[in-house]
Amino acid sequence: MNVTVSSYKKGGIAIYIPQKSFGIHYDARIPYQFPKHHPCHGCPYTLKSNIPSCMFPNRPDGSCFRYDLEREKKVRLSYAEQEAAQKILEFIKILEAVKRRKRFR
């Protein structure tokens, strides 16, 4: 068995400290990951522990508060807004094609 030892002098007395048995050892445990179809999968608000955990309170129906908020944020664009966005994207494509033809950088 090969043991490395650190030594230094304190007040003229040599002190030897074995390297492998000195200090605090932390186990690097893999945090629990929720299944892919679970509302908490990929949630940044879960604690980094090896058991399932969530920082939001439990609901009686088992749903997730964060998941409901994200679903409400996704508001669909109206037809007029979608059409305007499509026209802008087409115009940008035309401008890029003109730049390539004119060799503009």
PDB file of N, CA and C in Angstrom:
ATOM      1  N   MET A   1       0.842  -1.174   0.000  1.00  0.00           N
ATOM      2  CA  MET A   1       0.000   0.000   0.000  1.00  0.00           C
ATOM      3  C   MET A   1       0.893   1.244   0.000  1.00  0.00           C
ATOM      4  N   ASN A   2       0.650   2.124  -0.952  1.00  0.00           N
ATOM      5  CA  ASN A   2       1.446   3.332  -1.084  1.00  0.00           C
ATOM      6  C   ASN A   2       0.697   4.492  -0.438  1.00  0.00           C
ATOM      7  N   VAL A   3       1.249   5.046   0.624  1.00  0.00           N
ATOM      8  CA  VAL A   3       0.609   6.142   1.343  1.00  0.00           C
ATOM      9  C   VAL A   3       1.508   7.361   1.244  1.00  0.00           C
ATOM     10  N   THR A   4       0.945   8.471   0.777  1.00  0.00           N
ATOM     11  CA  THR A   4       1.717   9.710   0.737  1.00  0.00           C
ATOM     12  C   THR A   4       1.473  10.476   2.021  1.00  0.00           C
ATOM     13  N   VAL A   5       2.508  11.091   2.501  1.00  0.00           N
ATOM     14  CA  VAL A   5       2.426  11.793   3.776  1.00  0.00           C
ATOM     15  C   VAL A   5       2.930  13.216   3.576  1.00  0.00           C
ATOM     16  N   SER A   6       2.187  14.175   4.097  1.00  0.00           N
ATOM     17  CA  SER A   6       2.642  15.564   4.102  1.00  0.00           C
ATOM     18  C   SER A   6       3.293  15.836   5.445  1.00  0.00           C
ATOM     19  N   SER A   7       4.378  16.533   5.403  1.00  0.00           N
ATOM     20  CA  SER A   7       5.026  16.863   6.671  1.00  0.00           C
ATOM     21  C   SER A   7       5.414  18.335   6.661  1.00  0.00           C
ATOM     22  N   TYR A   8       5.313  18.936   7.803  1.00  0.00           N
ATOM     23  CA  TYR A   8       5.778  20.306   7.981  1.00  0.00           C
ATOM     24  C   TYR A   8       6.185  20.471   9.435  1.00  0.00           C
ATOM     25  N   LYS A   9       6.906  21.518   9.689  1.00  0.00           N
ATOM     26  CA  LYS A   9       7.393  21.740  11.056  1.00  0.00           C
ATOM     27  C   LYS A   9       6.600  22.857  11.699  1.00  0.00           C
ATOM     28  N   LYS A  10       6.161  22.576  12.896  1.00  0.00           N
ATOM     29  CA  LYS A  10       5.435  23.573  13.669  1.00  0.00           C
ATOM     30  C   LYS A  10       6.159  23.716  15.002  1.00  0.00           C
ATOM     31  N   GLY A  11       6.770  24.856  15.185  1.00  0.00           N
ATOM     32  CA  GLY A  11       7.519  25.078  16.427  1.00  0.00           C
ATOM     33  C   GLY A  11       8.704  24.147  16.578  1.00  0.00           C
ATOM     34  N   GLY A  12       9.338  23.759  15.449  1.00  0.00           N
ATOM     35  CA  GLY A  12      10.505  22.889  15.511  1.00  0.00           C
ATOM     36  C   GLY A  12      10.162  21.419  15.604  1.00  0.00           C
ATOM     37  N   ILE A  13       8.869  21.062  15.675  1.00  0.00           N
ATOM     38  CA  ILE A  13       8.454  19.661  15.768  1.00  0.00           C
ATOM     39  C   ILE A  13       7.858  19.252  14.424  1.00  0.00           C
ATOM     40  N   ALA A  14       8.319  18.137  13.880  1.00  0.00           N
ATOM     41  CA  ALA A  14       7.812  17.650  12.599  1.00  0.00           C
ATOM     42  C   ALA A  14       6.427  17.043  12.791  1.00  0.00           C
ATOM     43  N   ILE A  15       5.480  17.475  11.962  1.00  0.00           N
ATOM     44  CA  ILE A  15       4.111  16.960  12.025  1.00  0.00           C
ATOM     45  C   ILE A  15       3.819  16.251  10.708  1.00  0.00           C
ATOM     46  N   TYR A  16       3.325  15.025  10.788  1.00  0.00           N
ATOM     47  CA  TYR A  16       3.017  14.224   9.608  1.00  0.00           C
ATOM     48  C   TYR A  16       1.504  14.050   9.488  1.00  0.00           C
ATOM     49  N   ILE A  17       0.983  14.346   8.303  1.00  0.00           N
ATOM     50  CA  ILE A  17      -0.457  14.204   8.059  1.00  0.00           C
ATOM     51  C   ILE A  17      -0.645  13.269   6.870  1.00  0.00           C
ATOM     52  N   PRO A  18      -1.248  12.102   7.063  1.00  0.00           N
ATOM     53  CA  PRO A  18      -1.514  11.221   5.917  1.00  0.00           C
ATOM     54  C   PRO A  18      -2.544  11.858   4.984  1.00  0.00           C
ATOM     55  N   GLN A  19      -2.295  11.822   3.680  1.00  0.00           N
ATOM     56  CA  GLN A  19      -3.135  12.519   2.705  1.00  0.00           C
ATOM     57  C   GLN A  19      -4.521  11.897   2.545  1.00  0.00           C
ATOM     58  N   LYS A  20      -4.608  10.587   2.551  1.00  0.00           N
ATOM     59  CA  LYS A  20      -5.889   9.958   2.228  1.00  0.00           C
ATOM     60  C   LYS A  20      -6.877   9.971   3.384  1.00  0.00           C
ATOM     61  N   SER A  21      -6.424  10.161   4.583  1.00  0.00           N
ATOM     62  CA  SER A  21      -7.354  10.099   5.706  1.00  0.00           C
ATOM     63  C   SER A  21      -7.584  11.463   6.347  1.00  0.00           C
ATOM     64  N   PHE A  22      -7.147  12.514   5.710  1.00  0.00           N
ATOM     65  CA  PHE A  22      -7.287  13.837   6.295  1.00  0.00           C
ATOM     66  C   PHE A  22      -8.335  14.633   5.530  1.00  0.00           C
ATOM     67  N   GLY A  23      -9.212  15.291   6.222  1.00  0.00           N
ATOM     68  CA  GLY A  23     -10.196  16.150   5.574  1.00  0.00           C
ATOM     69  C   GLY A  23     -11.571  15.525   5.567  1.00  0.00           C
ATOM     70  N   ILE A  24     -12.473  16.181   4.889  1.00  0.00           N
ATOM     71  CA  ILE A  24     -13.866  15.742   4.819  1.00  0.00           C
ATOM     72  C   ILE A  24     -14.130  15.204   3.424  1.00  0.00           C
ATOM     73  N   HIS A  25     -14.783  14.081   3.366  1.00  0.00           N
ATOM     74  CA  HIS A  25     -15.086  13.444   2.087  1.00  0.00           C
ATOM     75  C   HIS A  25     -16.577  13.580   1.804  1.00  0.00           C
ATOM     76  N   TYR A  26     -16.905  14.132   0.656  1.00  0.00           N
ATOM     77  CA  TYR A  26     -18.301  14.271   0.251  1.00  0.00           C
ATOM     78  C   TYR A  26     -18.609  13.269  -0.851  1.00  0.00           C
ATOM     79  N   ASP A  27     -19.709  12.548  -0.691  1.00  0.00           N
ATOM     80  CA  ASP A  27     -20.152  11.651  -1.753  1.00  0.00           C
ATOM     81  C   ASP A  27     -20.857  12.462  -2.820  1.00  0.00           C
ATOM     82  N   ALA A  28     -20.457  12.268  -4.057  1.00  0.00           N
ATOM     83  CA  ALA A  28     -21.128  12.946  -5.161  1.00  0.00           C
ATOM     84  C   ALA A  28     -22.292  12.070  -5.597  1.00  0.00           C
ATOM     85  N   ARG A  29     -23.473  12.369  -5.093  1.00  0.00           N
ATOM     86  CA  ARG A  29     -24.644  11.569  -5.432  1.00  0.00           C
ATOM     87  C   ARG A  29     -25.350  12.172  -6.628  1.00  0.00           C
ATOM     88  N   ILE A  30     -25.919  11.326  -7.440  1.00  0.00           N
ATOM     89  CA  ILE A  30     -26.650  11.774  -8.619  1.00  0.00           C
ATOM     90  C   ILE A  30     -28.020  12.261  -8.171  1.00  0.00           C
ATOM     91  N   PRO A  31     -28.394  13.512  -8.527  1.00  0.00           N
ATOM     92  CA  PRO A  31     -29.711  14.003  -8.112  1.00  0.00           C
ATOM     93  C   PRO A  31     -30.830  13.241  -8.810  1.00  0.00           C
ATOM     94  N   TYR A  32     -31.962  13.162  -8.133  1.00  0.00           N
ATOM     95  CA  TYR A  32     -33.119  12.461  -8.682  1.00  0.00           C
ATOM     96  C   TYR A  32     -33.621  13.208  -9.916  1.00  0.00           C
ATOM     97  N   GLN A  33     -33.961  12.467 -10.966  1.00  0.00           N
ATOM     98  CA  GLN A  33     -34.524  13.059 -12.177  1.00  0.00           C
ATOM     99  C   GLN A  33     -35.910  12.484 -12.393  1.00  0.00           C
ATOM    100  N   PHE A  34     -36.864  13.373 -12.587  1.00  0.00           N
ATOM    101  CA  PHE A  34     -38.231  12.934 -12.826  1.00  0.00           C
ATOM    102  C   PHE A  34     -38.338  12.295 -14.211  1.00  0.00           C
ATOM    103  N   PRO A  35     -39.302  11.390 -14.420  1.00  0.00           N
ATOM    104  CA  PRO A  35     -39.494  10.785 -15.739  1.00  0.00           C
ATOM    105  C   PRO A  35     -39.831  11.842 -16.787  1.00  0.00           C
ATOM    106  N   LYS A  36     -39.645  11.511 -18.063  1.00  0.00           N
ATOM    107  CA  LYS A  36     -39.820  12.488 -19.145  1.00  0.00           C
ATOM    108  C   LYS A  36     -41.223  13.069 -19.228  1.00  0.00           C
ATOM    109  N   HIS A  37     -42.247  12.320 -18.939  1.00  0.00           N
ATOM    110  CA  HIS A  37     -43.620  12.817 -19.096  1.00  0.00           C
ATOM    111  C   HIS A  37     -44.164  13.442 -17.810  1.00  0.00           C
ATOM    112  N   HIS A  38     -43.349  13.507 -16.786  1.00  0.00           N
ATOM    113  CA  HIS A  38     -43.774  14.124 -15.526  1.00  0.00           C
ATOM    114  C   HIS A  38     -43.686  15.641 -15.660  1.00  0.00           C
ATOM    115  N   PRO A  39     -44.628  16.405 -15.087  1.00  0.00           N
ATOM    116  CA  PRO A  39     -44.561  17.871 -15.212  1.00  0.00           C
ATOM    117  C   PRO A  39     -43.300  18.482 -14.606  1.00  0.00           C
ATOM    118  N   CYS A  40     -42.660  17.811 -13.672  1.00  0.00           N
ATOM    119  CA  CYS A  40     -41.463  18.365 -13.031  1.00  0.00           C
ATOM    120  C   CYS A  40     -40.170  17.963 -13.740  1.00  0.00           C
ATOM    121  N   HIS A  41     -40.249  17.278 -14.878  1.00  0.00           N
ATOM    122  CA  HIS A  41     -39.044  16.885 -15.612  1.00  0.00           C
ATOM    123  C   HIS A  41     -38.351  18.137 -16.151  1.00  0.00           C
ATOM    124  N   GLY A  42     -37.099  18.338 -15.779  1.00  0.00           N
ATOM    125  CA  GLY A  42     -36.342  19.497 -16.238  1.00  0.00           C
ATOM    126  C   GLY A  42     -36.658  20.784 -15.501  1.00  0.00           C
ATOM    127  N   CYS A  43     -37.397  20.700 -14.428  1.00  0.00           N
ATOM    128  CA  CYS A  43     -37.774  21.895 -13.663  1.00  0.00           C
ATOM    129  C   CYS A  43     -36.556  22.407 -12.888  1.00  0.00           C
ATOM    130  N   PRO A  44     -36.248  23.710 -12.990  1.00  0.00           N
ATOM    131  CA  PRO A  44     -35.101  24.233 -12.248  1.00  0.00           C
ATOM    132  C   PRO A  44     -35.386  24.407 -10.760  1.00  0.00           C
ATOM    133  N   TYR A  45     -36.625  24.221 -10.333  1.00  0.00           N
ATOM    134  CA  TYR A  45     -36.995  24.443  -8.941  1.00  0.00           C
ATOM    135  C   TYR A  45     -37.000  23.175  -8.102  1.00  0.00           C
ATOM    136  N   THR A  46     -36.506  22.067  -8.633  1.00  0.00           N
ATOM    137  CA  THR A  46     -36.384  20.861  -7.822  1.00  0.00           C
ATOM    138  C   THR A  46     -35.066  20.922  -7.068  1.00  0.00           C
ATOM    139  N   LEU A  47     -35.048  20.374  -5.874  1.00  0.00           N
ATOM    140  CA  LEU A  47     -33.836  20.390  -5.065  1.00  0.00           C
ATOM    141  C   LEU A  47     -32.871  19.325  -5.568  1.00  0.00           C
ATOM    142  N   LYS A  48     -31.582  19.564  -5.431  1.00  0.00           N
ATOM    143  CA  LYS A  48     -30.583  18.609  -5.909  1.00  0.00           C
ATOM    144  C   LYS A  48     -30.347  17.545  -4.845  1.00  0.00           C
ATOM    145  N   SER A  49     -31.310  16.674  -4.689  1.00  0.00           N
ATOM    146  CA  SER A  49     -31.195  15.585  -3.726  1.00  0.00           C
ATOM    147  C   SER A  49     -31.483  14.276  -4.450  1.00  0.00           C
ATOM    148  N   ASN A  50     -31.225  13.169  -3.775  1.00  0.00           N
ATOM    149  CA  ASN A  50     -31.435  11.872  -4.416  1.00  0.00           C
ATOM    150  C   ASN A  50     -32.842  11.333  -4.194  1.00  0.00           C
ATOM    151  N   ILE A  51     -33.745  12.158  -3.668  1.00  0.00           N
ATOM    152  CA  ILE A  51     -35.152  11.781  -3.537  1.00  0.00           C
ATOM    153  C   ILE A  51     -35.992  12.795  -4.308  1.00  0.00           C
ATOM    154  N   PRO A  52     -37.196  12.436  -4.762  1.00  0.00           N
ATOM    155  CA  PRO A  52     -38.025  13.400  -5.493  1.00  0.00           C
ATOM    156  C   PRO A  52     -38.369  14.593  -4.607  1.00  0.00           C
ATOM    157  N   SER A  53     -38.152  15.788  -5.120  1.00  0.00           N
ATOM    158  CA  SER A  53     -38.444  16.987  -4.340  1.00  0.00           C
ATOM    159  C   SER A  53     -38.885  18.106  -5.271  1.00  0.00           C
ATOM    160  N   CYS A  54     -39.737  18.969  -4.758  1.00  0.00           N
ATOM    161  CA  CYS A  54     -40.218  20.120  -5.514  1.00  0.00           C
ATOM    162  C   CYS A  54     -40.380  21.272  -4.532  1.00  0.00           C
ATOM    163  N   MET A  55     -40.072  22.482  -4.972  1.00  0.00           N
ATOM    164  CA  MET A  55     -40.155  23.632  -4.080  1.00  0.00           C
ATOM    165  C   MET A  55     -41.554  24.225  -4.021  1.00  0.00           C
ATOM    166  N   PHE A  56     -42.430  23.794  -4.918  1.00  0.00           N
ATOM    167  CA  PHE A  56     -43.804  24.282  -4.900  1.00  0.00           C
ATOM    168  C   PHE A  56     -44.654  23.353  -4.041  1.00  0.00           C
ATOM    169  N   PRO A  57     -45.674  23.894  -3.365  1.00  0.00           N
ATOM    170  CA  PRO A  57     -46.503  23.034  -2.505  1.00  0.00           C
ATOM    171  C   PRO A  57     -47.318  22.036  -3.327  1.00  0.00           C
ATOM    172  N   ASN A  58     -47.632  20.919  -2.690  1.00  0.00           N
ATOM    173  CA  ASN A  58     -48.441  19.894  -3.354  1.00  0.00           C
ATOM    174  C   ASN A  58     -49.873  20.375  -3.518  1.00  0.00           C
ATOM    175  N   ARG A  59     -50.482  19.997  -4.630  1.00  0.00           N
ATOM    176  CA  ARG A  59     -51.885  20.305  -4.863  1.00  0.00           C
ATOM    177  C   ARG A  59     -52.689  19.031  -4.668  1.00  0.00           C
ATOM    178  N   PRO A  60     -53.972  19.170  -4.328  1.00  0.00           N
ATOM    179  CA  PRO A  60     -54.791  17.969  -4.121  1.00  0.00           C
ATOM    180  C   PRO A  60     -54.916  17.108  -5.379  1.00  0.00           C
ATOM    181  N   ASP A  61     -54.940  17.744  -6.563  1.00  0.00           N
ATOM    182  CA  ASP A  61     -55.093  16.955  -7.792  1.00  0.00           C
ATOM    183  C   ASP A  61     -53.756  16.448  -8.338  1.00  0.00           C
ATOM    184  N   GLY A  62     -52.619  16.821  -7.708  1.00  0.00           N
ATOM    185  CA  GLY A  62     -51.312  16.326  -8.133  1.00  0.00           C
ATOM    186  C   GLY A  62     -50.685  17.117  -9.259  1.00  0.00           C
ATOM    187  N   SER A  63     -51.276  18.241  -9.652  1.00  0.00           N
ATOM    188  CA  SER A  63     -50.709  19.032 -10.744  1.00  0.00           C
ATOM    189  C   SER A  63     -49.603  19.942 -10.219  1.00  0.00           C
ATOM    190  N   CYS A  64     -48.851  20.527 -11.127  1.00  0.00           N
ATOM    191  CA  CYS A  64     -47.716  21.374 -10.770  1.00  0.00           C
ATOM    192  C   CYS A  64     -48.034  22.833 -11.084  1.00  0.00           C
ATOM    193  N   PHE A  65     -47.751  23.713 -10.141  1.00  0.00           N
ATOM    194  CA  PHE A  65     -48.027  25.142 -10.292  1.00  0.00           C
ATOM    195  C   PHE A  65     -47.196  25.742 -11.424  1.00  0.00           C
ATOM    196  N   ARG A  66     -45.898  25.396 -11.494  1.00  0.00           N
ATOM    197  CA  ARG A  66     -45.018  25.923 -12.537  1.00  0.00           C
ATOM    198  C   ARG A  66     -45.464  25.463 -13.921  1.00  0.00           C
ATOM    199  N   TYR A  67     -45.860  24.209 -14.024  1.00  0.00           N
ATOM    200  CA  TYR A  67     -46.310  23.661 -15.303  1.00  0.00           C
ATOM    201  C   TYR A  67     -47.549  24.405 -15.791  1.00  0.00           C
ATOM    202  N   ASP A  68     -48.481  24.702 -14.878  1.00  0.00           N
ATOM    203  CA  ASP A  68     -49.687  25.444 -15.257  1.00  0.00           C
ATOM    204  C   ASP A  68     -49.350  26.862 -15.698  1.00  0.00           C
ATOM    205  N   LEU A  69     -48.395  27.514 -15.030  1.00  0.00           N
ATOM    206  CA  LEU A  69     -48.000  28.867 -15.421  1.00  0.00           C
ATOM    207  C   LEU A  69     -47.385  28.888 -16.816  1.00  0.00           C
ATOM    208  N   GLU A  70     -46.523  27.914 -17.114  1.00  0.00           N
ATOM    209  CA  GLU A  70     -45.898  27.870 -18.440  1.00  0.00           C
ATOM    210  C   GLU A  70     -46.935  27.619 -19.527  1.00  0.00           C
ATOM    211  N   ARG A  71     -47.919  26.799 -19.220  1.00  0.00           N
ATOM    212  CA  ARG A  71     -48.957  26.514 -20.209  1.00  0.00           C
ATOM    213  C   ARG A  71     -49.777  27.773 -20.496  1.00  0.00           C
ATOM    214  N   GLU A  72     -50.022  28.597 -19.467  1.00  0.00           N
ATOM    215  CA  GLU A  72     -50.780  29.830 -19.660  1.00  0.00           C
ATOM    216  C   GLU A  72     -49.982  30.872 -20.429  1.00  0.00           C
ATOM    217  N   LYS A  73     -48.635  30.852 -20.308  1.00  0.00           N
ATOM    218  CA  LYS A  73     -47.795  31.828 -21.001  1.00  0.00           C
ATOM    219  C   LYS A  73     -47.829  31.637 -22.514  1.00  0.00           C
ATOM    220  N   LYS A  74     -47.972  30.406 -22.956  1.00  0.00           N
ATOM    221  CA  LYS A  74     -47.956  30.122 -24.383  1.00  0.00           C
ATOM    222  C   LYS A  74     -49.273  30.564 -25.008  1.00  0.00           C
ATOM    223  N   VAL A  75     -49.305  31.806 -25.421  1.00  0.00           N
ATOM    224  CA  VAL A  75     -50.506  32.359 -26.032  1.00  0.00           C
ATOM    225  C   VAL A  75     -50.324  32.291 -27.544  1.00  0.00           C
ATOM    226  N   ARG A  76     -51.298  31.765 -28.204  1.00  0.00           N
ATOM    227  CA  ARG A  76     -51.207  31.654 -29.657  1.00  0.00           C
ATOM    228  C   ARG A  76     -51.423  33.010 -30.306  1.00  0.00           C
ATOM    229  N   LEU A  77     -50.679  33.247 -31.369  1.00  0.00           N
ATOM    230  CA  LEU A  77     -50.828  34.490 -32.110  1.00  0.00           C
ATOM    231  C   LEU A  77     -52.116  34.465 -32.913  1.00  0.00           C
ATOM    232  N   SER A  78     -52.695  35.630 -33.079  1.00  0.00           N
ATOM    233  CA  SER A  78     -53.893  35.707 -33.915  1.00  0.00           C
ATOM    234  C   SER A  78     -53.473  35.541 -35.376  1.00  0.00           C
ATOM    235  N   TYR A  79     -54.438  35.349 -36.245  1.00  0.00           N
ATOM    236  CA  TYR A  79     -54.143  35.116 -37.657  1.00  0.00           C
ATOM    237  C   TYR A  79     -53.440  36.325 -38.269  1.00  0.00           C
ATOM    238  N   ALA A  80     -53.870  37.543 -37.917  1.00  0.00           N
ATOM    239  CA  ALA A  80     -53.259  38.754 -38.480  1.00  0.00           C
ATOM    240  C   ALA A  80     -51.799  38.884 -38.026  1.00  0.00           C
ATOM    241  N   GLU A  81     -51.527  38.599 -36.761  1.00  0.00           N
ATOM    242  CA  GLU A  81     -50.152  38.679 -36.258  1.00  0.00           C
ATOM    243  C   GLU A  81     -49.270  37.621 -36.905  1.00  0.00           C
ATOM    244  N   GLN A  82     -49.824  36.429 -37.109  1.00  0.00           N
ATOM    245  CA  GLN A  82     -49.071  35.359 -37.749  1.00  0.00           C
ATOM    246  C   GLN A  82     -48.740  35.726 -39.191  1.00  0.00           C
ATOM    247  N   GLU A  83     -49.702  36.306 -39.885  1.00  0.00           N
ATOM    248  CA  GLU A  83     -49.496  36.701 -41.279  1.00  0.00           C
ATOM    249  C   GLU A  83     -48.438  37.799 -41.370  1.00  0.00           C
ATOM    250  N   ALA A  84     -48.468  38.773 -40.454  1.00  0.00           N
ATOM    251  CA  ALA A  84     -47.477  39.849 -40.453  1.00  0.00           C
ATOM    252  C   ALA A  84     -46.076  39.294 -40.178  1.00  0.00           C
ATOM    253  N   ALA A  85     -45.978  38.369 -39.246  1.00  0.00           N
ATOM    254  CA  ALA A  85     -44.681  37.765 -38.941  1.00  0.00           C
ATOM    255  C   ALA A  85     -44.152  36.987 -40.140  1.00  0.00           C
ATOM    256  N   GLN A  86     -45.030  36.299 -40.842  1.00  0.00           N
ATOM    257  CA  GLN A  86     -44.619  35.540 -42.022  1.00  0.00           C
ATOM    258  C   GLN A  86     -44.102  36.474 -43.114  1.00  0.00           C
ATOM    259  N   LYS A  87     -44.769  37.623 -43.313  1.00  0.00           N
ATOM    260  CA  LYS A  87     -44.321  38.593 -44.320  1.00  0.00           C
ATOM    261  C   LYS A  87     -42.939  39.142 -43.969  1.00  0.00           C
ATOM    262  N   ILE A  88     -42.711  39.410 -42.693  1.00  0.00           N
ATOM    263  CA  ILE A  88     -41.403  39.924 -42.268  1.00  0.00           C
ATOM    264  C   ILE A  88     -40.313  38.891 -42.531  1.00  0.00           C
ATOM    265  N   LEU A  89     -40.571  37.625 -42.220  1.00  0.00           N
ATOM    266  CA  LEU A  89     -39.583  36.570 -42.457  1.00  0.00           C
ATOM    267  C   LEU A  89     -39.284  36.405 -43.942  1.00  0.00           C
ATOM    268  N   GLU A  90     -40.313  36.490 -44.789  1.00  0.00           N
ATOM    269  CA  GLU A  90     -40.096  36.394 -46.236  1.00  0.00           C
ATOM    270  C   GLU A  90     -39.256  37.567 -46.731  1.00  0.00           C
ATOM    271  N   PHE A  91     -39.506  38.771 -46.199  1.00  0.00           N
ATOM    272  CA  PHE A  91     -38.748  39.951 -46.588  1.00  0.00           C
ATOM    273  C   PHE A  91     -37.277  39.804 -46.194  1.00  0.00           C
ATOM    274  N   ILE A  92     -37.019  39.252 -45.017  1.00  0.00           N
ATOM    275  CA  ILE A  92     -35.641  39.038 -44.568  1.00  0.00           C
ATOM    276  C   ILE A  92     -34.932  38.048 -45.481  1.00  0.00           C
ATOM    277  N   LYS A  93     -35.624  37.002 -45.913  1.00  0.00           N
ATOM    278  CA  LYS A  93     -35.027  36.027 -46.834  1.00  0.00           C
ATOM    279  C   LYS A  93     -34.667  36.686 -48.156  1.00  0.00           C
ATOM    280  N   ILE A  94     -35.533  37.576 -48.652  1.00  0.00           N
ATOM    281  CA  ILE A  94     -35.253  38.281 -49.908  1.00  0.00           C
ATOM    282  C   ILE A  94     -34.029  39.174 -49.736  1.00  0.00           C
ATOM    283  N   LEU A  95     -33.936  39.891 -48.615  1.00  0.00           N
ATOM    284  CA  LEU A  95     -32.778  40.753 -48.366  1.00  0.00           C
ATOM    285  C   LEU A  95     -31.480  39.947 -48.310  1.00  0.00           C
ATOM    286  N   GLU A  96     -31.514  38.786 -47.680  1.00  0.00           N
ATOM    287  CA  GLU A  96     -30.316  37.953 -47.610  1.00  0.00           C
ATOM    288  C   GLU A  96     -29.913  37.455 -48.990  1.00  0.00           C
ATOM    289  N   ALA A  97     -30.890  37.126 -49.836  1.00  0.00           N
ATOM    290  CA  ALA A  97     -30.585  36.686 -51.198  1.00  0.00           C
ATOM    291  C   ALA A  97     -29.943  37.822 -51.993  1.00  0.00           C
ATOM    292  N   VAL A  98     -30.443  39.048 -51.825  1.00  0.00           N
ATOM    293  CA  VAL A  98     -29.869  40.206 -52.524  1.00  0.00           C
ATOM    294  C   VAL A  98     -28.442  40.452 -52.039  1.00  0.00           C
ATOM    295  N   LYS A  99     -28.210  40.316 -50.750  1.00  0.00           N
ATOM    296  CA  LYS A  99     -26.862  40.499 -50.212  1.00  0.00           C
ATOM    297  C   LYS A  99     -25.891  39.502 -50.835  1.00  0.00           C
ATOM    298  N   ARG A 100     -26.331  38.255 -50.968  1.00  0.00           N
ATOM    299  CA  ARG A 100     -25.461  37.237 -51.558  1.00  0.00           C
ATOM    300  C   ARG A 100     -25.163  37.553 -53.015  1.00  0.00           C
ATOM    301  N   ARG A 101     -26.180  38.009 -53.754  1.00  0.00           N
ATOM    302  CA  ARG A 101     -25.966  38.334 -55.166  1.00  0.00           C
ATOM    303  C   ARG A 101     -25.021  39.516 -55.327  1.00  0.00           C
ATOM    304  N   LYS A 102     -25.132  40.507 -54.460  1.00  0.00           N
ATOM    305  CA  LYS A 102     -24.300  41.712 -54.550  1.00  0.00           C
ATOM    306  C   LYS A 102     -22.955  41.522 -53.845  1.00  0.00           C
ATOM    307  N   ARG A 103     -22.775  40.377 -53.209  1.00  0.00           N
ATOM    308  CA  ARG A 103     -21.563  40.056 -52.444  1.00  0.00           C
ATOM    309  C   ARG A 103     -21.308  41.093 -51.360  1.00  0.00           C
ATOM    310  N   PHE A 104     -22.356  41.435 -50.671  1.00  0.00           N
ATOM    311  CA  PHE A 104     -22.282  42.398 -49.581  1.00  0.00           C
ATOM    312  C   PHE A 104     -22.001  41.658 -48.287  1.00  0.00           C
ATOM    313  N   ARG A 105     -21.041  42.148 -47.517  1.00  0.00           N
ATOM    314  CA  ARG A 105     -20.713  41.478 -46.255  1.00  0.00           C
ATOM    315  C   ARG A 105     -20.825  42.407 -45.113  1.00  0.00           C
TER     316      ARG A 105
END
